[in-house]
Amino acid sequence: MEKEFRSFEKSIKKKHSFSFTPKYKEDFRTQVSEKAFISIANDVFEKLDWEIGYINANTIQAKRKESSLGFSQFTEGISVNFEYGKITVKSESLGNEMWDNGRNSKRVKLFIFVFKEIEKSYDRNALKELEKEIEKQQNWDNYEIPKNLPKEKKSKIPKFSIVIIGSAVIAIILGYLLATVSVNGKYIIGLFEVLIAIAITFSYKYLIKLSNFVDFNKLLYVLAGTILSTYILNQYLQYELILRENNYERIGFFNFIIMRLQAGLKIKDLDTAWIGLIISWIIQIGLTYLISYVRLASIVTRYKIERIPAEVIDFAFYNAVKNKTEEEIRNLLSAKGWKNKQNQDEIFEAIGAIQDANELSKIS
């Protein structure tokens, strides 16, 4: 950050926010157009070293990172919206604090100050030139159509069976590991759900690549089945391990579950009975699914983009921006050597995935 901006930041009178998610919002007016707004706001974020995460026609968002003792974390999310000459700037805490110590107000006021300073550096003619340049960028007018595209790869038929078989293996392995940890009394609620979610989605990353299967809705069904199977197998394998280690008579798995419910869940001196045990199971499954869902969405999106060369995606997107129909784009891709229909479908999926990735980075 430049010295002038640091000096102004120190002089800002903070306004404290108290909330489950502290935030601060402020509006101001501008004479610049919507197109110029995005360019200037982008410059502001770059000058302040805030990481841009989301941009559309009239909104731009970024996150501020803070470093301490060798560790870095995002502390505030800043969202800036343009509407008929009015700019709304909102800063929201990204941590777990309920009091922001005035930090959000400082981010907002600093952004407004820097924006106005940059805006003052443009006269009317300079703003018109800026708008023209932005329009060129949006219309891809500076894009040079390549003579050749990277060679078309051999199409890979998606195989859902690989995902299903792999998921079954994952559930068995994780179910056994959970059962072993639980029988030994070392299970920590909260921590292990996160670890299970990470393990499942880490495995899915390679299953998706191996199978080339990216139907997200079907993957979600398999994911839910994997998580349920993992926790059910956990209970069944606990039953088997307890019988083996203690040489008990077989009472049947169903009776084992009834006995567990009768024993309930005890947290130190608090006996939550069978209700507490059922709630703990629901939390286990729900937390694991929530974390896995978010990670899986990111994995599928990234894979859709990475399996197609960037030059090919750019070529197809350029023609889409130029209002070419899907059939026309397919013909142009065929002329460049990308003739296989499945490969062409994957190019369109990659373009959609880029838009999805942009939405995933959006601060809600």
Protein backbone atom coordinates (compact mmCIF):
# COMPACT_ATOMS: atom_id res chain seq x y z
CA MET A 1 0.00 0.00 0.00
CA GLU A 2 1.27 3.47 -0.89
CA LYS A 3 2.47 5.78 1.88
CA GLU A 4 -0.29 8.33 1.23
CA PHE A 5 -2.99 5.71 1.70
CA ARG A 6 -1.38 4.29 4.84
CA SER A 7 -1.30 7.78 6.31
CA PHE A 8 -4.99 8.31 5.57
CA GLU A 9 -5.91 4.89 6.98
CA LYS A 10 -4.34 5.80 10.32
CA SER A 11 -6.38 9.01 10.46
CA ILE A 12 -9.75 7.29 9.92
CA LYS A 13 -12.16 7.56 12.84
CA LYS A 14 -13.42 4.02 13.36
CA LYS A 15 -17.05 3.01 13.79
CA HIS A 16 -17.40 -0.20 15.75
CA SER A 17 -19.76 -3.00 14.71
CA PHE A 18 -21.22 -5.66 17.03
CA SER A 19 -22.92 -8.68 15.43
CA PHE A 20 -22.62 -12.39 14.75
CA THR A 21 -20.99 -11.21 11.49
CA PRO A 22 -19.82 -7.60 11.96
CA LYS A 23 -20.16 -5.43 8.87
CA TYR A 24 -20.17 -1.79 7.80
CA LYS A 25 -21.70 -0.15 4.71
CA GLU A 26 -21.50 3.32 3.18
CA ASP A 27 -22.67 4.96 -0.07
CA PHE A 28 -21.23 7.75 -2.18
CA ARG A 29 -21.95 9.32 -5.57
CA THR A 30 -19.71 9.30 -8.64
CA GLN A 31 -19.70 10.85 -12.10
CA VAL A 32 -18.01 7.87 -13.79
CA SER A 33 -19.91 5.36 -15.91
CA GLU A 34 -20.51 1.74 -14.97
CA LYS A 35 -17.69 0.57 -17.25
CA ALA A 36 -15.19 3.05 -15.83
CA PHE A 37 -16.31 2.15 -12.31
CA ILE A 38 -15.17 -1.47 -12.65
CA SER A 39 -11.75 -0.39 -13.96
CA ILE A 40 -11.19 2.20 -11.20
CA ALA A 41 -12.46 -0.14 -8.46
CA ASN A 42 -10.08 -2.80 -9.77
CA ASP A 43 -7.21 -0.27 -9.51
CA VAL A 44 -8.24 0.55 -5.93
CA PHE A 45 -8.06 -3.10 -4.88
CA GLU A 46 -4.67 -3.51 -6.53
CA LYS A 47 -3.26 -0.41 -4.84
CA LEU A 48 -4.53 -1.59 -1.46
CA ASP A 49 -3.23 -5.16 -2.02
CA TRP A 50 -6.70 -6.67 -1.58
CA GLU A 51 -7.26 -9.91 -3.47
CA ILE A 52 -9.97 -9.65 -6.12
CA GLY A 53 -12.31 -12.63 -6.16
CA TYR A 54 -15.45 -11.72 -8.11
CA ILE A 55 -16.37 -9.31 -10.90
CA ASN A 56 -19.51 -8.83 -12.97
CA ALA A 57 -21.03 -5.90 -14.88
CA ASN A 58 -21.68 -3.70 -11.83
CA THR A 59 -20.13 -5.47 -8.83
CA ILE A 60 -16.59 -6.20 -7.76
CA GLN A 61 -15.48 -8.01 -4.61
CA ALA A 62 -12.19 -8.62 -2.88
CA LYS A 63 -10.77 -10.02 0.35
CA ARG A 64 -8.19 -8.40 2.59
CA LYS A 65 -5.42 -10.63 3.90
CA GLU A 66 -3.53 -10.05 7.11
CA SER A 67 -0.26 -11.72 8.12
CA SER A 68 0.84 -12.38 11.67
CA LEU A 69 3.56 -14.62 13.10
CA GLY A 70 4.17 -16.16 9.70
CA PHE A 71 0.49 -17.04 9.13
CA SER A 72 -1.90 -15.36 6.70
CA GLN A 73 -5.67 -15.26 6.77
CA PHE A 74 -8.47 -13.30 5.14
CA THR A 75 -9.94 -10.87 7.65
CA GLU A 76 -12.53 -8.86 5.69
CA GLY A 77 -14.53 -9.28 2.51
CA ILE A 78 -15.18 -6.03 0.62
CA SER A 79 -18.06 -5.79 -1.85
CA VAL A 80 -18.56 -2.73 -4.09
CA ASN A 81 -21.72 -2.22 -6.15
CA PHE A 82 -22.57 0.42 -8.78
CA GLU A 83 -26.16 1.49 -9.43
CA TYR A 84 -27.12 4.63 -11.39
CA GLY A 85 -24.13 6.65 -10.21
CA LYS A 86 -24.38 5.48 -6.58
CA ILE A 87 -21.59 3.26 -5.27
CA THR A 88 -22.26 1.09 -2.22
CA VAL A 89 -19.22 -0.21 -0.36
CA LYS A 90 -19.63 -2.95 2.25
CA SER A 91 -17.00 -4.62 4.37
CA GLU A 92 -17.80 -7.80 6.30
CA SER A 93 -15.71 -9.70 8.83
CA LEU A 94 -14.64 -13.18 7.71
CA GLY A 95 -13.56 -14.44 11.12
CA ASN A 96 -15.61 -15.63 14.08
CA GLU A 97 -15.45 -12.42 16.08
CA MET A 98 -18.63 -10.57 17.16
CA TRP A 99 -16.84 -7.21 17.47
CA ASP A 100 -14.78 -5.88 14.60
CA ASN A 101 -12.96 -3.15 16.56
CA GLY A 102 -13.90 -0.73 13.78
CA ARG A 103 -11.92 -2.56 11.10
CA ASN A 104 -14.81 -2.80 8.63
CA SER A 105 -15.45 0.95 8.74
CA LYS A 106 -11.75 1.57 8.07
CA ARG A 107 -11.80 -0.67 4.99
CA VAL A 108 -14.89 1.08 3.59
CA LYS A 109 -13.64 4.60 4.21
CA LEU A 110 -10.19 3.77 2.85
CA PHE A 111 -11.71 2.33 -0.34
CA ILE A 112 -13.84 5.46 -0.86
CA PHE A 113 -10.83 7.74 -0.33
CA VAL A 114 -8.63 5.86 -2.81
CA PHE A 115 -11.46 5.61 -5.37
CA LYS A 116 -12.02 9.35 -5.28
CA GLU A 117 -8.28 10.02 -5.56
CA ILE A 118 -8.03 7.85 -8.67
CA GLU A 119 -11.25 9.33 -10.11
CA LYS A 120 -9.77 12.84 -9.76
CA SER A 121 -6.80 11.81 -11.89
CA TYR A 122 -9.08 11.34 -14.94
CA ASP A 123 -10.48 14.23 -16.96
CA ARG A 124 -13.48 13.82 -19.27
CA ASN A 125 -11.41 12.71 -22.28
CA ALA A 126 -9.40 10.26 -20.22
CA LEU A 127 -12.62 8.69 -18.88
CA LYS A 128 -13.93 8.25 -22.43
CA GLU A 129 -10.69 6.55 -23.44
CA LEU A 130 -10.92 4.31 -20.36
CA GLU A 131 -14.50 3.35 -21.28
CA LYS A 132 -13.41 2.51 -24.83
CA GLU A 133 -10.58 0.33 -23.53
CA ILE A 134 -12.93 -1.49 -21.14
CA GLU A 135 -15.41 -2.04 -23.96
CA LYS A 136 -12.63 -3.50 -26.11
CA GLN A 137 -11.69 -5.88 -23.29
CA GLN A 138 -15.31 -6.95 -22.75
CA ASN A 139 -15.78 -7.52 -26.48
CA TRP A 140 -12.41 -9.29 -26.79
CA ASP A 141 -11.45 -6.86 -29.57
CA ASN A 142 -7.76 -7.31 -28.77
CA TYR A 143 -7.97 -11.10 -29.06
CA GLU A 144 -5.83 -12.54 -31.84
CA ILE A 145 -7.43 -15.56 -33.47
CA PRO A 146 -4.79 -18.32 -33.47
CA LYS A 147 -3.85 -20.03 -36.71
CA ASN A 148 -3.79 -23.36 -34.94
CA LEU A 149 -5.13 -24.76 -31.69
CA PRO A 150 -3.46 -27.42 -29.53
CA LYS A 151 -3.99 -30.89 -30.97
CA GLU A 152 -7.32 -32.48 -30.12
CA LYS A 153 -6.97 -35.11 -27.42
CA LYS A 154 -8.53 -38.54 -27.67
CA SER A 155 -12.01 -38.42 -26.15
CA LYS A 156 -12.48 -40.32 -22.91
CA ILE A 157 -15.87 -41.92 -22.33
CA PRO A 158 -17.24 -41.03 -18.86
CA LYS A 159 -17.53 -44.13 -16.65
CA PHE A 160 -19.90 -43.74 -13.73
CA SER A 161 -19.11 -47.30 -12.59
CA ILE A 162 -15.57 -46.24 -11.61
CA VAL A 163 -16.98 -43.60 -9.25
CA ILE A 164 -19.43 -46.07 -7.71
CA ILE A 165 -16.84 -48.82 -7.17
CA GLY A 166 -14.29 -46.34 -5.86
CA SER A 167 -16.86 -44.84 -3.48
CA ALA A 168 -17.66 -48.28 -2.07
CA VAL A 169 -13.98 -48.95 -1.39
CA ILE A 170 -13.58 -45.54 0.25
CA ALA A 171 -16.61 -46.16 2.52
CA ILE A 172 -15.23 -49.55 3.65
CA ILE A 173 -11.76 -48.18 4.42
CA LEU A 174 -13.02 -45.08 6.26
CA GLY A 175 -15.71 -47.08 8.09
CA TYR A 176 -13.05 -49.46 9.40
CA LEU A 177 -10.72 -46.64 10.45
CA LEU A 178 -13.54 -44.83 12.25
CA ALA A 179 -14.62 -48.02 14.01
CA THR A 180 -11.07 -48.70 15.20
CA VAL A 181 -10.69 -45.16 16.54
CA SER A 182 -14.15 -45.22 18.18
CA VAL A 183 -13.62 -48.58 19.93
CA ASN A 184 -10.36 -47.29 21.37
CA GLY A 185 -12.19 -44.21 22.69
CA LYS A 186 -10.21 -41.66 20.67
CA TYR A 187 -13.01 -40.28 18.46
CA ILE A 188 -13.33 -36.47 18.59
CA ILE A 189 -16.66 -35.11 17.35
CA GLY A 190 -16.11 -32.22 14.94
CA LEU A 191 -12.51 -33.03 14.05
CA PHE A 192 -13.11 -36.45 12.54
CA GLU A 193 -16.09 -35.30 10.47
CA VAL A 194 -13.83 -32.73 8.82
CA LEU A 195 -11.13 -35.35 8.24
CA ILE A 196 -13.66 -37.78 6.75
CA ALA A 197 -14.96 -35.09 4.38
CA ILE A 198 -11.43 -34.22 3.28
CA ALA A 199 -10.53 -37.90 2.76
CA ILE A 200 -13.67 -38.59 0.68
CA THR A 201 -13.30 -35.54 -1.54
CA PHE A 202 -9.55 -36.09 -1.93
CA SER A 203 -10.36 -39.56 -3.25
CA TYR A 204 -13.11 -38.17 -5.50
CA LYS A 205 -10.58 -35.83 -7.08
CA TYR A 206 -8.76 -38.85 -8.54
CA LEU A 207 -11.92 -40.89 -9.20
CA ILE A 208 -13.33 -38.03 -11.30
CA LYS A 209 -10.07 -37.73 -13.23
CA LEU A 210 -9.90 -41.49 -13.78
CA SER A 211 -13.54 -41.82 -14.81
CA ASN A 212 -13.93 -38.46 -16.62
CA PHE A 213 -17.39 -38.32 -15.00
CA VAL A 214 -18.59 -34.81 -14.07
CA ASP A 215 -22.39 -35.01 -13.72
CA PHE A 216 -22.57 -33.08 -10.44
CA ASN A 217 -26.10 -34.16 -9.48
CA LYS A 218 -25.26 -37.85 -9.83
CA LEU A 219 -21.99 -37.31 -7.98
CA LEU A 220 -23.94 -35.76 -5.11
CA TYR A 221 -26.13 -38.86 -4.82
CA VAL A 222 -23.05 -41.08 -4.72
CA LEU A 223 -21.40 -38.72 -2.24
CA ALA A 224 -24.42 -38.93 0.08
CA GLY A 225 -24.38 -42.73 -0.26
CA THR A 226 -20.65 -42.84 0.51
CA ILE A 227 -21.08 -40.76 3.66
CA LEU A 228 -24.06 -42.80 4.90
CA SER A 229 -22.27 -46.07 4.11
CA THR A 230 -19.16 -44.88 5.94
CA TYR A 231 -21.04 -44.12 9.16
CA ILE A 232 -23.24 -47.23 8.98
CA LEU A 233 -20.18 -49.40 8.39
CA ASN A 234 -18.53 -47.59 11.28
CA GLN A 235 -21.30 -48.81 13.60
CA TYR A 236 -21.31 -52.35 12.19
CA LEU A 237 -17.54 -52.72 12.36
CA GLN A 238 -17.54 -51.34 15.91
CA TYR A 239 -19.95 -54.18 16.73
CA GLU A 240 -17.63 -56.76 15.11
CA LEU A 241 -14.49 -55.37 16.77
CA ILE A 242 -16.11 -55.32 20.22
CA LEU A 243 -17.21 -58.94 19.82
CA ARG A 244 -13.76 -60.04 18.63
CA GLU A 245 -11.77 -58.18 21.30
CA ASN A 246 -14.01 -59.24 24.20
CA ASN A 247 -15.08 -62.70 23.00
CA TYR A 248 -18.77 -61.83 23.52
CA GLU A 249 -21.68 -63.85 22.13
CA ARG A 250 -23.21 -62.53 18.91
CA ILE A 251 -26.35 -60.61 19.81
CA GLY A 252 -27.06 -59.30 16.32
CA PHE A 253 -26.26 -55.87 14.89
CA PHE A 254 -29.83 -54.61 15.34
CA ASN A 255 -29.76 -55.45 19.06
CA PHE A 256 -26.34 -53.79 19.32
CA ILE A 257 -27.83 -50.51 17.99
CA ILE A 258 -30.75 -50.78 20.45
CA MET A 259 -28.27 -51.23 23.31
CA ARG A 260 -26.31 -48.19 22.12
CA LEU A 261 -29.50 -46.12 22.08
CA GLN A 262 -30.41 -47.32 25.57
CA ALA A 263 -26.95 -46.35 26.81
CA GLY A 264 -27.30 -42.95 25.10
CA LEU A 265 -24.56 -40.35 24.89
CA LYS A 266 -22.73 -39.00 27.91
CA ILE A 267 -20.69 -35.80 27.72
CA LYS A 268 -18.66 -35.74 30.95
CA ASP A 269 -21.35 -35.67 33.66
CA LEU A 270 -24.18 -34.76 31.27
CA ASP A 271 -26.37 -37.69 30.18
CA THR A 272 -28.14 -36.73 26.92
CA ALA A 273 -29.75 -40.20 26.59
CA TRP A 274 -30.76 -41.62 23.20
CA ILE A 275 -31.77 -38.20 21.88
CA GLY A 276 -28.22 -36.89 22.28
CA LEU A 277 -26.81 -39.95 20.51
CA ILE A 278 -29.16 -39.54 17.52
CA ILE A 279 -28.41 -35.81 17.33
CA SER A 280 -24.68 -36.58 17.35
CA TRP A 281 -25.17 -38.99 14.43
CA ILE A 282 -27.15 -36.37 12.50
CA ILE A 283 -24.42 -33.79 13.15
CA GLN A 284 -21.77 -36.26 11.98
CA ILE A 285 -23.54 -36.96 8.68
CA GLY A 286 -24.67 -33.35 8.13
CA LEU A 287 -21.30 -31.75 8.81
CA THR A 288 -19.45 -34.28 6.67
CA TYR A 289 -21.89 -33.77 3.78
CA LEU A 290 -21.76 -29.97 4.00
CA ILE A 291 -17.95 -29.84 3.85
CA SER A 292 -17.84 -32.52 1.15
CA TYR A 293 -20.45 -30.71 -0.97
CA VAL A 294 -18.43 -27.48 -1.06
CA ARG A 295 -15.16 -29.27 -1.79
CA LEU A 296 -16.73 -31.50 -4.45
CA ALA A 297 -18.21 -28.48 -6.27
CA SER A 298 -14.75 -26.93 -6.40
CA ILE A 299 -13.11 -30.18 -7.56
CA VAL A 300 -15.61 -30.76 -10.39
CA THR A 301 -15.39 -27.13 -11.53
CA ARG A 302 -11.60 -27.18 -11.57
CA TYR A 303 -11.45 -30.49 -13.45
CA LYS A 304 -13.85 -29.27 -16.16
CA ILE A 305 -11.56 -26.31 -16.79
CA GLU A 306 -8.23 -28.13 -16.55
CA ARG A 307 -9.06 -30.96 -18.96
CA ILE A 308 -9.35 -28.50 -21.89
CA PRO A 309 -6.34 -26.39 -23.05
CA ALA A 310 -6.77 -22.70 -22.19
CA GLU A 311 -6.20 -21.67 -25.83
CA VAL A 312 -9.18 -23.78 -26.93
CA ILE A 313 -11.44 -22.37 -24.22
CA ASP A 314 -10.42 -18.81 -25.14
CA PHE A 315 -11.15 -19.46 -28.83
CA ALA A 316 -14.64 -20.82 -28.09
CA PHE A 317 -15.40 -18.08 -25.57
CA TYR A 318 -14.27 -15.35 -28.00
CA ASN A 319 -16.74 -16.61 -30.59
CA ALA A 320 -19.48 -16.81 -27.95
CA VAL A 321 -18.81 -13.16 -27.05
CA LYS A 322 -19.11 -12.34 -30.77
CA ASN A 323 -22.66 -13.81 -30.66
CA LYS A 324 -21.86 -16.93 -32.65
CA THR A 325 -24.42 -19.72 -32.22
CA GLU A 326 -23.42 -23.03 -30.65
CA GLU A 327 -23.54 -24.71 -34.06
CA GLU A 328 -21.30 -22.02 -35.56
CA ILE A 329 -18.79 -22.40 -32.72
CA ARG A 330 -18.76 -26.18 -33.22
CA ASN A 331 -18.05 -25.69 -36.92
CA LEU A 332 -15.22 -23.27 -36.15
CA LEU A 333 -13.75 -25.73 -33.64
CA SER A 334 -13.97 -28.50 -36.25
CA ALA A 335 -12.12 -26.29 -38.73
CA LYS A 336 -9.35 -25.93 -36.11
CA GLY A 337 -9.09 -29.69 -35.63
CA TRP A 338 -11.45 -30.18 -32.68
CA LYS A 339 -14.03 -32.35 -34.44
CA ASN A 340 -15.07 -34.85 -31.77
CA LYS A 341 -18.52 -34.02 -30.36
CA GLN A 342 -17.65 -35.13 -26.83
CA ASN A 343 -14.56 -32.93 -26.80
CA GLN A 344 -16.66 -30.03 -28.06
CA ASP A 345 -19.21 -30.67 -25.30
CA GLU A 346 -16.39 -30.57 -22.76
CA ILE A 347 -15.27 -27.19 -24.13
CA PHE A 348 -18.73 -25.75 -23.49
CA GLU A 349 -18.71 -27.35 -20.03
CA ALA A 350 -15.37 -25.65 -19.34
CA ILE A 351 -16.82 -22.25 -20.28
CA GLY A 352 -19.74 -22.88 -17.91
CA ALA A 353 -17.32 -24.04 -15.21
CA ILE A 354 -15.37 -20.77 -15.45
CA GLN A 355 -18.60 -18.87 -14.80
CA ASP A 356 -19.39 -21.26 -11.91
CA ALA A 357 -15.91 -20.68 -10.45
CA ASN A 358 -16.54 -16.95 -10.55
CA GLU A 359 -19.80 -17.45 -8.66
CA LEU A 360 -18.11 -19.75 -6.11
CA SER A 361 -15.63 -16.97 -5.33
CA LYS A 362 -18.46 -14.51 -4.67
CA ILE A 363 -18.86 -13.22 -1.12
CA SER A 364 -22.45 -13.97 -0.08
